[in-house]
Structure formats: C-alpha cells, structure tokens
Full PDB file with SEQRES, HELIX, SHEET, SSBOND, CRYST1, ORIGX, SCALE, CONECT and MASTER records, all heavy atoms in Angstrom:
SEQRES   1 A   29  VAL ASN SER THR LYS SER LEU ILE GLY HIS LEU LEU GLY          
SEQRES   2 A   29  ALA ALA GLY ALA ILE GLU PHE VAL THR CYS VAL LYS THR          
SEQRES   3 A   29  ILE GLN ASP                                                  
HELIX    1 AA1 LYS A    5  ILE A    8  1                                   4    
HELIX    2 AA2 LEU A   12  ALA A   14  5                                   3    
HELIX    3 AA3 ALA A   15  GLN A   28  1                                  14    
CRYST1    1.000    1.000    1.000  90.00  90.00  90.00 P 1           1          
ORIGX1      1.000000  0.000000  0.000000        0.00000                         
ORIGX2      0.000000  1.000000  0.000000        0.00000                         
ORIGX3      0.000000  0.000000  1.000000        0.00000                         
SCALE1      1.000000  0.000000  0.000000        0.00000                         
SCALE2      0.000000  1.000000  0.000000        0.00000                         
SCALE3      0.000000  0.000000  1.000000        0.00000                         
ATOM      1  N   VAL A   1      -8.186  -8.898   3.848  1.00  0.00           N  
ATOM      2  CA  VAL A   1      -6.924  -8.406   4.410  1.00  0.00           C  
ATOM      3  C   VAL A   1      -5.810  -8.719   3.420  1.00  0.00           C  
ATOM      4  O   VAL A   1      -5.618  -9.878   3.049  1.00  0.00           O  
ATOM      5  CB  VAL A   1      -6.624  -9.083   5.765  1.00  0.00           C  
ATOM      6  CG1 VAL A   1      -5.309  -8.545   6.346  1.00  0.00           C  
ATOM      7  CG2 VAL A   1      -7.771  -8.883   6.747  1.00  0.00           C  
ATOM      8  N   ASN A   2      -5.094  -7.695   2.973  1.00  0.00           N  
ATOM      9  CA  ASN A   2      -3.976  -7.968   2.063  1.00  0.00           C  
ATOM     10  C   ASN A   2      -2.738  -7.200   2.471  1.00  0.00           C  
ATOM     11  O   ASN A   2      -2.775  -6.360   3.384  1.00  0.00           O  
ATOM     12  CB  ASN A   2      -4.351  -7.690   0.598  1.00  0.00           C  
ATOM     13  CG  ASN A   2      -4.586  -6.219   0.298  1.00  0.00           C  
ATOM     14  OD1 ASN A   2      -4.409  -5.350   1.154  1.00  0.00           O  
ATOM     15  ND2 ASN A   2      -5.005  -5.925  -0.922  1.00  0.00           N  
ATOM     16  N   SER A   3      -1.629  -7.519   1.815  1.00  0.00           N  
ATOM     17  CA  SER A   3      -0.361  -6.836   2.082  1.00  0.00           C  
ATOM     18  C   SER A   3       0.267  -6.395   0.765  1.00  0.00           C  
ATOM     19  O   SER A   3       0.655  -7.234  -0.056  1.00  0.00           O  
ATOM     20  CB  SER A   3       0.609  -7.744   2.834  1.00  0.00           C  
ATOM     21  OG  SER A   3       1.877  -7.126   2.938  1.00  0.00           O  
ATOM     22  N   THR A   4       0.385  -5.082   0.580  1.00  0.00           N  
ATOM     23  CA  THR A   4       1.022  -4.536  -0.614  1.00  0.00           C  
ATOM     24  C   THR A   4       2.516  -4.842  -0.622  1.00  0.00           C  
ATOM     25  O   THR A   4       3.150  -4.857  -1.686  1.00  0.00           O  
ATOM     26  CB  THR A   4       0.764  -3.019  -0.694  1.00  0.00           C  
ATOM     27  OG1 THR A   4      -0.651  -2.777  -0.608  1.00  0.00           O  
ATOM     28  CG2 THR A   4       1.270  -2.424  -1.990  1.00  0.00           C  
ATOM     29  N   LYS A   5       3.079  -5.143   0.545  1.00  0.00           N  
ATOM     30  CA  LYS A   5       4.501  -5.497   0.623  1.00  0.00           C  
ATOM     31  C   LYS A   5       4.820  -6.780  -0.139  1.00  0.00           C  
ATOM     32  O   LYS A   5       5.985  -7.042  -0.453  1.00  0.00           O  
ATOM     33  CB  LYS A   5       4.925  -5.613   2.077  1.00  0.00           C  
ATOM     34  CG  LYS A   5       4.890  -4.288   2.845  1.00  0.00           C  
ATOM     35  CD  LYS A   5       5.304  -4.478   4.298  1.00  0.00           C  
ATOM     36  CE  LYS A   5       5.276  -3.163   5.061  1.00  0.00           C  
ATOM     37  NZ  LYS A   5       3.896  -2.675   5.308  1.00  0.00           N  
ATOM     38  N   SER A   6       3.816  -7.590  -0.422  1.00  0.00           N  
ATOM     39  CA  SER A   6       4.056  -8.797  -1.222  1.00  0.00           C  
ATOM     40  C   SER A   6       4.476  -8.445  -2.643  1.00  0.00           C  
ATOM     41  O   SER A   6       5.111  -9.250  -3.329  1.00  0.00           O  
ATOM     42  CB  SER A   6       2.796  -9.667  -1.252  1.00  0.00           C  
ATOM     43  OG  SER A   6       1.722  -9.014  -1.922  1.00  0.00           O  
ATOM     44  N   LEU A   7       4.148  -7.224  -3.080  1.00  0.00           N  
ATOM     45  CA  LEU A   7       4.463  -6.773  -4.441  1.00  0.00           C  
ATOM     46  C   LEU A   7       5.690  -5.873  -4.499  1.00  0.00           C  
ATOM     47  O   LEU A   7       6.481  -5.964  -5.443  1.00  0.00           O  
ATOM     48  CB  LEU A   7       3.270  -6.011  -5.027  1.00  0.00           C  
ATOM     49  CG  LEU A   7       1.965  -6.784  -5.169  1.00  0.00           C  
ATOM     50  CD1 LEU A   7       0.821  -5.823  -5.480  1.00  0.00           C  
ATOM     51  CD2 LEU A   7       2.081  -7.834  -6.263  1.00  0.00           C  
ATOM     52  N   ILE A   8       5.845  -5.014  -3.500  1.00  0.00           N  
ATOM     53  CA  ILE A   8       6.890  -3.973  -3.578  1.00  0.00           C  
ATOM     54  C   ILE A   8       7.870  -4.015  -2.416  1.00  0.00           C  
ATOM     55  O   ILE A   8       8.691  -3.109  -2.270  1.00  0.00           O  
ATOM     56  CB  ILE A   8       6.265  -2.561  -3.674  1.00  0.00           C  
ATOM     57  CG1 ILE A   8       5.383  -2.264  -2.458  1.00  0.00           C  
ATOM     58  CG2 ILE A   8       5.484  -2.410  -4.967  1.00  0.00           C  
ATOM     59  CD1 ILE A   8       4.889  -0.825  -2.394  1.00  0.00           C  
ATOM     60  N   GLY A   9       7.808  -5.073  -1.605  1.00  0.00           N  
ATOM     61  CA  GLY A   9       8.686  -5.110  -0.457  1.00  0.00           C  
ATOM     62  C   GLY A   9       8.270  -4.084   0.584  1.00  0.00           C  
ATOM     63  O   GLY A   9       7.188  -3.497   0.517  1.00  0.00           O  
ATOM     64  N   HIS A  10       9.140  -3.870   1.539  1.00  0.00           N  
ATOM     65  CA  HIS A  10       8.867  -2.991   2.672  1.00  0.00           C  
ATOM     66  C   HIS A  10       9.610  -1.675   2.471  1.00  0.00           C  
ATOM     67  O   HIS A  10      10.836  -1.622   2.568  1.00  0.00           O  
ATOM     68  CB  HIS A  10       9.314  -3.674   3.954  1.00  0.00           C  
ATOM     69  CG  HIS A  10       8.871  -3.001   5.205  1.00  0.00           C  
ATOM     70  ND1 HIS A  10       8.300  -1.744   5.227  1.00  0.00           N  
ATOM     71  CD2 HIS A  10       8.910  -3.409   6.511  1.00  0.00           C  
ATOM     72  CE1 HIS A  10       8.013  -1.410   6.456  1.00  0.00           C  
ATOM     73  NE2 HIS A  10       8.372  -2.400   7.265  1.00  0.00           N  
ATOM     74  N   LEU A  11       8.860  -0.612   2.206  1.00  0.00           N  
ATOM     75  CA  LEU A  11       9.450   0.697   1.942  1.00  0.00           C  
ATOM     76  C   LEU A  11       9.769   1.472   3.223  1.00  0.00           C  
ATOM     77  O   LEU A  11      10.008   2.683   3.180  1.00  0.00           O  
ATOM     78  CB  LEU A  11       8.530   1.528   1.041  1.00  0.00           C  
ATOM     79  CG  LEU A  11       8.689   1.330  -0.479  1.00  0.00           C  
ATOM     80  CD1 LEU A  11       8.407  -0.107  -0.876  1.00  0.00           C  
ATOM     81  CD2 LEU A  11       7.762   2.272  -1.252  1.00  0.00           C  
ATOM     82  N   LEU A  12       9.757   0.789   4.363  1.00  0.00           N  
ATOM     83  CA  LEU A  12      10.107   1.391   5.649  1.00  0.00           C  
ATOM     84  C   LEU A  12       9.309   2.675   5.886  1.00  0.00           C  
ATOM     85  O   LEU A  12       8.097   2.630   6.022  1.00  0.00           O  
ATOM     86  CB  LEU A  12      11.618   1.612   5.743  1.00  0.00           C  
ATOM     87  CG  LEU A  12      12.488   0.372   5.516  1.00  0.00           C  
ATOM     88  CD1 LEU A  12      13.973   0.721   5.736  1.00  0.00           C  
ATOM     89  CD2 LEU A  12      12.081  -0.795   6.375  1.00  0.00           C  
ATOM     90  N   GLY A  13       9.973   3.828   5.918  1.00  0.00           N  
ATOM     91  CA  GLY A  13       9.264   5.068   6.202  1.00  0.00           C  
ATOM     92  C   GLY A  13       8.244   5.468   5.164  1.00  0.00           C  
ATOM     93  O   GLY A  13       7.365   6.292   5.435  1.00  0.00           O  
ATOM     94  N   ALA A  14       8.325   4.909   3.976  1.00  0.00           N  
ATOM     95  CA  ALA A  14       7.355   5.214   2.919  1.00  0.00           C  
ATOM     96  C   ALA A  14       6.239   4.190   2.838  1.00  0.00           C  
ATOM     97  O   ALA A  14       5.260   4.394   2.103  1.00  0.00           O  
ATOM     98  CB  ALA A  14       8.071   5.304   1.566  1.00  0.00           C  
ATOM     99  N   ALA A  15       6.356   3.089   3.577  1.00  0.00           N  
ATOM    100  CA  ALA A  15       5.414   1.979   3.430  1.00  0.00           C  
ATOM    101  C   ALA A  15       3.972   2.404   3.705  1.00  0.00           C  
ATOM    102  O   ALA A  15       3.066   2.134   2.912  1.00  0.00           O  
ATOM    103  CB  ALA A  15       5.811   0.829   4.356  1.00  0.00           C  
ATOM    104  N   GLY A  16       3.745   3.048   4.838  1.00  0.00           N  
ATOM    105  CA  GLY A  16       2.388   3.438   5.192  1.00  0.00           C  
ATOM    106  C   GLY A  16       1.772   4.403   4.207  1.00  0.00           C  
ATOM    107  O   GLY A  16       0.560   4.392   3.974  1.00  0.00           O  
ATOM    108  N   ALA A  17       2.605   5.239   3.595  1.00  0.00           N  
ATOM    109  CA  ALA A  17       2.092   6.223   2.643  1.00  0.00           C  
ATOM    110  C   ALA A  17       1.625   5.563   1.351  1.00  0.00           C  
ATOM    111  O   ALA A  17       0.543   5.869   0.833  1.00  0.00           O  
ATOM    112  CB  ALA A  17       3.153   7.276   2.348  1.00  0.00           C  
ATOM    113  N   ILE A  18       2.435   4.639   0.805  1.00  0.00           N  
ATOM    114  CA  ILE A  18       2.014   3.977  -0.431  1.00  0.00           C  
ATOM    115  C   ILE A  18       0.842   3.044  -0.155  1.00  0.00           C  
ATOM    116  O   ILE A  18      -0.026   2.831  -1.025  1.00  0.00           O  
ATOM    117  CB  ILE A  18       3.193   3.240  -1.102  1.00  0.00           C  
ATOM    118  CG1 ILE A  18       2.858   2.854  -2.541  1.00  0.00           C  
ATOM    119  CG2 ILE A  18       3.611   2.020  -0.317  1.00  0.00           C  
ATOM    120  CD1 ILE A  18       2.557   4.013  -3.468  1.00  0.00           C  
ATOM    121  N   GLU A  19       0.764   2.500   1.042  1.00  0.00           N  
ATOM    122  CA  GLU A  19      -0.375   1.647   1.384  1.00  0.00           C  
ATOM    123  C   GLU A  19      -1.643   2.468   1.575  1.00  0.00           C  
ATOM    124  O   GLU A  19      -2.756   1.995   1.285  1.00  0.00           O  
ATOM    125  CB  GLU A  19      -0.012   0.813   2.606  1.00  0.00           C  
ATOM    126  CG  GLU A  19       1.025  -0.263   2.272  1.00  0.00           C  
ATOM    127  CD  GLU A  19       1.863  -0.758   3.428  1.00  0.00           C  
ATOM    128  OE1 GLU A  19       1.500  -0.485   4.587  1.00  0.00           O  
ATOM    129  OE2 GLU A  19       2.896  -1.416   3.165  1.00  0.00           O  
ATOM    130  N   PHE A  20      -1.504   3.707   2.036  1.00  0.00           N  
ATOM    131  CA  PHE A  20      -2.654   4.613   2.085  1.00  0.00           C  
ATOM    132  C   PHE A  20      -3.149   4.923   0.677  1.00  0.00           C  
ATOM    133  O   PHE A  20      -4.349   4.902   0.407  1.00  0.00           O  
ATOM    134  CB  PHE A  20      -2.272   5.909   2.809  1.00  0.00           C  
ATOM    135  CG  PHE A  20      -3.354   6.948   2.834  1.00  0.00           C  
ATOM    136  CD1 PHE A  20      -4.350   6.917   3.791  1.00  0.00           C  
ATOM    137  CD2 PHE A  20      -3.394   7.966   1.875  1.00  0.00           C  
ATOM    138  CE1 PHE A  20      -5.363   7.876   3.814  1.00  0.00           C  
ATOM    139  CE2 PHE A  20      -4.388   8.921   1.877  1.00  0.00           C  
ATOM    140  CZ  PHE A  20      -5.386   8.875   2.858  1.00  0.00           C  
ATOM    141  N   VAL A  21      -2.211   5.211  -0.233  1.00  0.00           N  
ATOM    142  CA  VAL A  21      -2.591   5.430  -1.639  1.00  0.00           C  
ATOM    143  C   VAL A  21      -3.305   4.193  -2.184  1.00  0.00           C  
ATOM    144  O   VAL A  21      -4.301   4.302  -2.912  1.00  0.00           O  
ATOM    145  CB  VAL A  21      -1.341   5.758  -2.485  1.00  0.00           C  
ATOM    146  CG1 VAL A  21      -1.659   5.704  -3.979  1.00  0.00           C  
ATOM    147  CG2 VAL A  21      -0.794   7.136  -2.120  1.00  0.00           C  
ATOM    148  N   THR A  22      -2.822   3.014  -1.827  1.00  0.00           N  
ATOM    149  CA  THR A  22      -3.466   1.771  -2.262  1.00  0.00           C  
ATOM    150  C   THR A  22      -4.905   1.699  -1.762  1.00  0.00           C  
ATOM    151  O   THR A  22      -5.812   1.281  -2.505  1.00  0.00           O  
ATOM    152  CB  THR A  22      -2.668   0.555  -1.763  1.00  0.00           C  
ATOM    153  OG1 THR A  22      -1.336   0.621  -2.296  1.00  0.00           O  
ATOM    154  CG2 THR A  22      -3.306  -0.755  -2.197  1.00  0.00           C  
ATOM    155  N   CYS A  23      -5.145   2.113  -0.531  1.00  0.00           N  
ATOM    156  CA  CYS A  23      -6.510   2.133   0.003  1.00  0.00           C  
ATOM    157  C   CYS A  23      -7.406   3.083  -0.791  1.00  0.00           C  
ATOM    158  O   CYS A  23      -8.559   2.761  -1.099  1.00  0.00           O  
ATOM    159  CB  CYS A  23      -6.498   2.533   1.472  1.00  0.00           C  
ATOM    160  SG  CYS A  23      -5.890   1.259   2.597  1.00  0.00           S  
ATOM    161  N   VAL A  24      -6.874   4.255  -1.104  1.00  0.00           N  
ATOM    162  CA  VAL A  24      -7.661   5.224  -1.882  1.00  0.00           C  
ATOM    163  C   VAL A  24      -8.003   4.650  -3.254  1.00  0.00           C  
ATOM    164  O   VAL A  24      -9.152   4.736  -3.722  1.00  0.00           O  
ATOM    165  CB  VAL A  24      -6.897   6.558  -2.023  1.00  0.00           C  
ATOM    166  CG1 VAL A  24      -7.635   7.497  -2.972  1.00  0.00           C  
ATOM    167  CG2 VAL A  24      -6.715   7.216  -0.653  1.00  0.00           C  
ATOM    168  N   LYS A  25      -7.025   4.054  -3.917  1.00  0.00           N  
ATOM    169  CA  LYS A  25      -7.268   3.467  -5.237  1.00  0.00           C  
ATOM    170  C   LYS A  25      -8.227   2.282  -5.148  1.00  0.00           C  
ATOM    171  O   LYS A  25      -9.039   2.054  -6.052  1.00  0.00           O  
ATOM    172  CB  LYS A  25      -5.948   3.047  -5.883  1.00  0.00           C  
ATOM    173  CG  LYS A  25      -4.990   4.192  -6.195  1.00  0.00           C  
ATOM    174  CD  LYS A  25      -5.591   5.206  -7.153  1.00  0.00           C  
ATOM    175  CE  LYS A  25      -5.771   4.671  -8.545  1.00  0.00           C  
ATOM    176  NZ  LYS A  25      -6.275   5.695  -9.489  1.00  0.00           N  
ATOM    177  N   THR A  26      -8.140   1.516  -4.078  1.00  0.00           N  
ATOM    178  CA  THR A  26      -9.058   0.396  -3.875  1.00  0.00           C  
ATOM    179  C   THR A  26     -10.496   0.898  -3.795  1.00  0.00           C  
ATOM    180  O   THR A  26     -11.407   0.322  -4.411  1.00  0.00           O  
ATOM    181  CB  THR A  26      -8.692  -0.356  -2.580  1.00  0.00           C  
ATOM    182  OG1 THR A  26      -7.403  -0.945  -2.741  1.00  0.00           O  
ATOM    183  CG2 THR A  26      -9.701  -1.450  -2.259  1.00  0.00           C  
ATOM    184  N   ILE A  27     -10.711   1.970  -3.041  1.00  0.00           N  
ATOM    185  CA  ILE A  27     -12.045   2.550  -2.915  1.00  0.00           C  
ATOM    186  C   ILE A  27     -12.517   3.113  -4.252  1.00  0.00           C  
ATOM    187  O   ILE A  27     -13.676   2.934  -4.653  1.00  0.00           O  
ATOM    188  CB  ILE A  27     -12.044   3.643  -1.823  1.00  0.00           C  
ATOM    189  CG1 ILE A  27     -11.894   2.984  -0.445  1.00  0.00           C  
ATOM    190  CG2 ILE A  27     -13.300   4.500  -1.887  1.00  0.00           C  
ATOM    191  CD1 ILE A  27     -11.625   3.962   0.678  1.00  0.00           C  
ATOM    192  N   GLN A  28     -11.614   3.781  -4.959  1.00  0.00           N  
ATOM    193  CA  GLN A  28     -11.963   4.363  -6.259  1.00  0.00           C  
ATOM    194  C   GLN A  28     -12.370   3.314  -7.286  1.00  0.00           C  
ATOM    195  O   GLN A  28     -13.386   3.445  -7.970  1.00  0.00           O  
ATOM    196  CB  GLN A  28     -10.758   5.135  -6.814  1.00  0.00           C  
ATOM    197  CG  GLN A  28     -10.638   6.568  -6.377  1.00  0.00           C  
ATOM    198  CD  GLN A  28      -9.594   7.247  -7.245  1.00  0.00           C  
ATOM    199  OE1 GLN A  28      -8.442   6.843  -7.291  1.00  0.00           O  
ATOM    200  NE2 GLN A  28     -10.013   8.278  -7.947  1.00  0.00           N  
ATOM    201  N   ASP A  29     -11.546   2.288  -7.404  1.00  0.00           N  
ATOM    202  CA  ASP A  29     -11.716   1.306  -8.485  1.00  0.00           C  
ATOM    203  C   ASP A  29     -12.481   0.060  -8.069  1.00  0.00           C  
ATOM    204  O   ASP A  29     -12.722  -0.819  -8.901  1.00  0.00           O  
ATOM    205  CB  ASP A  29     -10.336   0.871  -9.011  1.00  0.00           C  
ATOM    206  CG  ASP A  29      -9.699   1.916  -9.898  1.00  0.00           C  
ATOM    207  OD1 ASP A  29     -10.238   3.040  -9.961  1.00  0.00           O  
ATOM    208  OD2 ASP A  29      -8.657   1.624 -10.508  1.00  0.00           O  
TER     209      ASP A  29                                                      
MASTER        0    0    0    3    0    0    0    6  208    1    0    3          
END                                                                             
C-alpha cells in the first residue's frame, strides 16, 4: 500500500487520475 501524494502532494480533482496512471506504470514496469 503506498501513497503517491507523498511525492506530489494532493492534486485534488486530478489526484485519482495521476494515481491511476501510477497503477498502470506499476503494472508495466
């Protein structure tokens, strides 16, 4: 369990979207 907000803060309405991208990249790499 991790939090991308530890690196980029809380992007409010964009937070879930960049965290979804993070999930995709996690699966890829």
